[in-house]
Amino acid sequence: MQTIEKHTNRLTYLIEDLLTISRLESGQIVMNLQLVELREEVARVLDDLQTRVKEKQAALDNLVPAGLWARADADRLQQVLFNLVENAIKYGRSAGRVSIGAKARSESEVEIWVRNDGPGIPPESRERVFERFYRVDRARSAETGGTGLGLSIVKHIVQAHGGEVGVSSEPGKGTTFFFTLPKN
């Protein structure tokens, strides 16, 4: 029964993710843009992920400066942050560190980043990580779960805000995902 429940939940997540990405691609999701204080949004997401943090014995750092604002849909921003932080925990080192930070890039744009100290992503995989269902390490992905759509959803949400998303990584030294949002 537990196996059936596990697979039923996995299929439910897959269907929800497919519906989300389909709505994003077709423009059916309308962004409710408003000014959001980034440190508070990150704090909410980190609070929601405390169980995962304890399981992995990870340390989380909210390095977002107080008073940094962006124009975003708060719910969709939380979805982006949740996906990125959850991945950073999942694919980071056991008892590792995950840091979330942000800075103003210009008068009109902010950059938010999520960094872990895990094994990193090989250069040949970095361009593909935002593709639907792409997995860097299929064997490890089967063990850790997920639908393979999280980063694709992140990309579409960020682009719907008029931002860009990217990744930098050094094998053996960790990975940083970053994205931009309009400031106002």
Protein backbone atom coordinates (compact mmCIF):
# COMPACT_ATOMS: atom_id res chain seq x y z
CA MET A 1 0.00 0.00 0.00
CA GLN A 2 2.86 2.41 0.79
CA THR A 3 4.40 1.75 -2.64
CA ILE A 4 1.07 2.43 -4.34
CA GLU A 5 0.66 5.65 -2.35
CA LYS A 6 4.21 6.75 -3.20
CA HIS A 7 3.67 6.22 -6.93
CA THR A 8 0.22 7.81 -6.83
CA ASN A 9 1.72 10.92 -5.20
CA ARG A 10 4.52 11.00 -7.80
CA LEU A 11 1.97 10.86 -10.64
CA THR A 12 -0.08 13.60 -8.99
CA TYR A 13 3.01 15.87 -8.80
CA LEU A 14 3.84 15.09 -12.42
CA ILE A 15 0.33 15.99 -13.59
CA GLU A 16 0.34 19.22 -11.54
CA ASP A 17 3.74 20.20 -12.94
CA LEU A 18 2.66 19.41 -16.52
CA LEU A 19 -0.48 21.51 -16.10
CA THR A 20 1.54 24.39 -14.64
CA ILE A 21 4.09 24.38 -17.46
CA SER A 22 1.35 24.07 -20.08
CA ARG A 23 -0.47 27.09 -18.61
CA LEU A 24 2.76 29.08 -18.45
CA GLU A 25 3.69 28.31 -22.05
CA SER A 26 0.21 29.14 -23.35
CA GLY A 27 0.02 32.40 -21.38
CA GLN A 28 -2.98 31.21 -19.36
CA ILE A 29 -1.36 32.19 -16.08
CA VAL A 30 -1.70 35.90 -15.45
CA MET A 31 0.94 37.34 -13.18
CA ASN A 32 -0.31 39.38 -10.23
CA LEU A 33 2.61 41.80 -10.17
CA GLN A 34 3.20 43.82 -7.04
CA LEU A 35 6.17 45.08 -5.06
CA VAL A 36 7.48 42.30 -2.81
CA GLU A 37 10.18 42.47 -0.17
CA LEU A 38 12.60 39.71 -1.18
CA ARG A 39 14.05 38.82 2.23
CA GLU A 40 10.54 38.11 3.56
CA GLU A 41 9.67 35.93 0.55
CA VAL A 42 12.87 33.91 0.98
CA ALA A 43 12.18 33.53 4.72
CA ARG A 44 8.72 32.07 3.98
CA VAL A 45 10.18 29.50 1.58
CA LEU A 46 12.98 28.53 3.97
CA ASP A 47 10.41 28.06 6.71
CA ASP A 48 8.37 25.74 4.44
CA LEU A 49 11.47 23.61 3.75
CA GLN A 50 12.57 23.04 7.36
CA THR A 51 11.65 19.33 7.26
CA ARG A 52 13.84 18.76 4.18
CA VAL A 53 16.65 20.73 5.82
CA LYS A 54 16.54 18.56 8.93
CA GLU A 55 16.47 15.34 6.88
CA LYS A 56 19.62 16.40 5.01
CA GLN A 57 21.17 18.10 8.06
CA ALA A 58 21.82 21.13 5.88
CA ALA A 59 22.42 24.72 6.91
CA LEU A 60 20.43 27.49 5.24
CA ASP A 61 21.57 31.10 4.97
CA ASN A 62 19.20 33.91 4.01
CA LEU A 63 21.70 36.51 2.75
CA VAL A 64 19.09 38.70 1.07
CA PRO A 65 19.48 42.24 2.38
CA ALA A 66 16.45 43.72 4.13
CA GLY A 67 14.69 46.39 2.12
CA LEU A 68 15.43 44.94 -1.33
CA TRP A 69 12.25 44.95 -3.40
CA ALA A 70 11.20 43.51 -6.76
CA ARG A 71 8.05 43.65 -8.87
CA ALA A 72 6.78 40.07 -8.92
CA ASP A 73 3.85 37.76 -8.42
CA ALA A 74 4.54 36.69 -4.81
CA ASP A 75 3.01 33.21 -5.23
CA ARG A 76 4.98 32.50 -8.40
CA LEU A 77 8.16 33.92 -6.89
CA GLN A 78 7.74 31.56 -3.95
CA GLN A 79 7.30 28.68 -6.42
CA VAL A 80 10.59 29.63 -8.14
CA LEU A 81 12.42 29.96 -4.83
CA PHE A 82 10.93 26.73 -3.48
CA ASN A 83 12.04 24.76 -6.56
CA LEU A 84 15.55 26.21 -6.51
CA VAL A 85 16.12 25.85 -2.76
CA GLU A 86 14.62 22.36 -2.65
CA ASN A 87 16.95 21.29 -5.48
CA ALA A 88 19.92 22.91 -3.74
CA ILE A 89 19.14 20.89 -0.61
CA LYS A 90 18.37 17.68 -2.50
CA TYR A 91 21.49 17.74 -4.69
CA GLY A 92 23.83 19.39 -2.19
CA ARG A 93 26.14 17.63 0.22
CA SER A 94 24.74 15.94 3.29
CA ALA A 95 25.28 18.40 6.17
CA GLY A 96 26.12 20.98 3.50
CA ARG A 97 25.23 24.63 3.17
CA VAL A 98 22.64 26.35 0.99
CA SER A 99 22.75 30.14 0.62
CA ILE A 100 20.16 32.44 -0.88
CA GLY A 101 21.13 35.99 -1.71
CA ALA A 102 20.12 38.94 -3.84
CA LYS A 103 21.44 42.27 -5.05
CA ALA A 104 20.41 45.18 -7.19
CA ARG A 105 22.02 44.73 -10.63
CA SER A 106 20.91 48.09 -11.91
CA GLU A 107 18.34 50.79 -11.25
CA SER A 108 15.68 48.58 -12.82
CA GLU A 109 16.71 44.99 -12.04
CA VAL A 110 17.53 42.69 -9.12
CA GLU A 111 19.32 39.35 -9.18
CA ILE A 112 18.47 36.52 -6.80
CA TRP A 113 20.73 33.49 -6.42
CA VAL A 114 20.61 30.09 -4.72
CA ARG A 115 23.95 28.34 -4.09
CA ASN A 116 24.88 24.95 -2.69
CA ASP A 117 28.21 23.25 -2.01
CA GLY A 118 27.31 19.99 -3.72
CA PRO A 119 29.06 18.04 -6.48
CA GLY A 120 28.27 20.61 -9.17
CA ILE A 121 26.91 20.19 -12.69
CA PRO A 122 29.17 19.07 -15.54
CA PRO A 123 29.70 21.71 -18.27
CA GLU A 124 27.91 19.64 -20.93
CA SER A 125 24.73 19.55 -18.81
CA ARG A 126 24.48 23.22 -17.83
CA GLU A 127 22.80 24.36 -21.04
CA ARG A 128 20.17 21.63 -20.76
CA VAL A 129 19.13 21.78 -17.09
CA PHE A 130 16.16 24.04 -17.87
CA GLU A 131 14.72 21.60 -20.45
CA ARG A 132 11.66 19.55 -19.58
CA PHE A 133 12.48 16.17 -18.01
CA TYR A 134 16.26 16.65 -18.37
CA ARG A 135 18.23 15.01 -15.57
CA VAL A 136 21.95 15.49 -15.01
CA ASP A 137 22.26 12.17 -13.19
CA ARG A 138 19.37 9.86 -13.98
CA ALA A 139 20.40 7.25 -11.40
CA ARG A 140 20.51 9.80 -8.58
CA SER A 141 17.27 11.42 -9.76
CA ALA A 142 15.41 8.13 -9.49
CA GLU A 143 16.54 7.87 -5.88
CA THR A 144 15.72 11.49 -4.96
CA GLY A 145 12.39 11.74 -6.78
CA GLY A 146 10.92 14.71 -8.62
CA THR A 147 9.29 15.16 -12.00
CA GLY A 148 12.13 16.70 -13.99
CA LEU A 149 10.00 19.79 -14.63
CA GLY A 150 10.98 22.04 -11.72
CA LEU A 151 13.73 24.00 -13.48
CA SER A 152 11.66 24.31 -16.65
CA ILE A 153 8.85 25.80 -14.56
CA VAL A 154 11.36 28.15 -12.91
CA LYS A 155 12.54 29.33 -16.33
CA HIS A 156 9.01 29.98 -17.61
CA ILE A 157 7.92 31.86 -14.48
CA VAL A 158 11.04 34.05 -14.52
CA GLN A 159 10.58 34.78 -18.23
CA ALA A 160 6.90 35.64 -17.62
CA HIS A 161 8.22 38.34 -15.24
CA GLY A 162 10.52 39.66 -17.97
CA GLY A 163 13.60 38.19 -16.28
CA GLU A 164 16.35 35.77 -17.19
CA VAL A 165 17.58 32.62 -15.48
CA GLY A 166 20.99 30.94 -15.51
CA VAL A 167 23.35 28.56 -13.77
CA SER A 168 27.04 28.52 -12.93
CA SER A 169 28.79 25.51 -11.50
CA GLU A 170 32.19 24.08 -10.84
CA PRO A 171 32.41 20.29 -10.47
CA GLY A 172 33.18 19.41 -6.87
CA LYS A 173 32.57 22.96 -5.63
CA GLY A 174 28.84 23.50 -5.94
CA THR A 175 26.23 25.15 -8.10
CA THR A 176 24.60 28.57 -8.23
CA PHE A 177 21.25 29.18 -9.92
CA PHE A 178 20.39 32.83 -10.47
CA PHE A 179 17.55 34.83 -11.96
CA THR A 180 16.58 38.43 -12.49
CA LEU A 181 13.38 40.33 -11.80
CA PRO A 182 12.31 43.90 -12.47
CA LYS A 183 12.84 46.22 -9.53
CA ASN A 184 9.73 48.33 -10.01
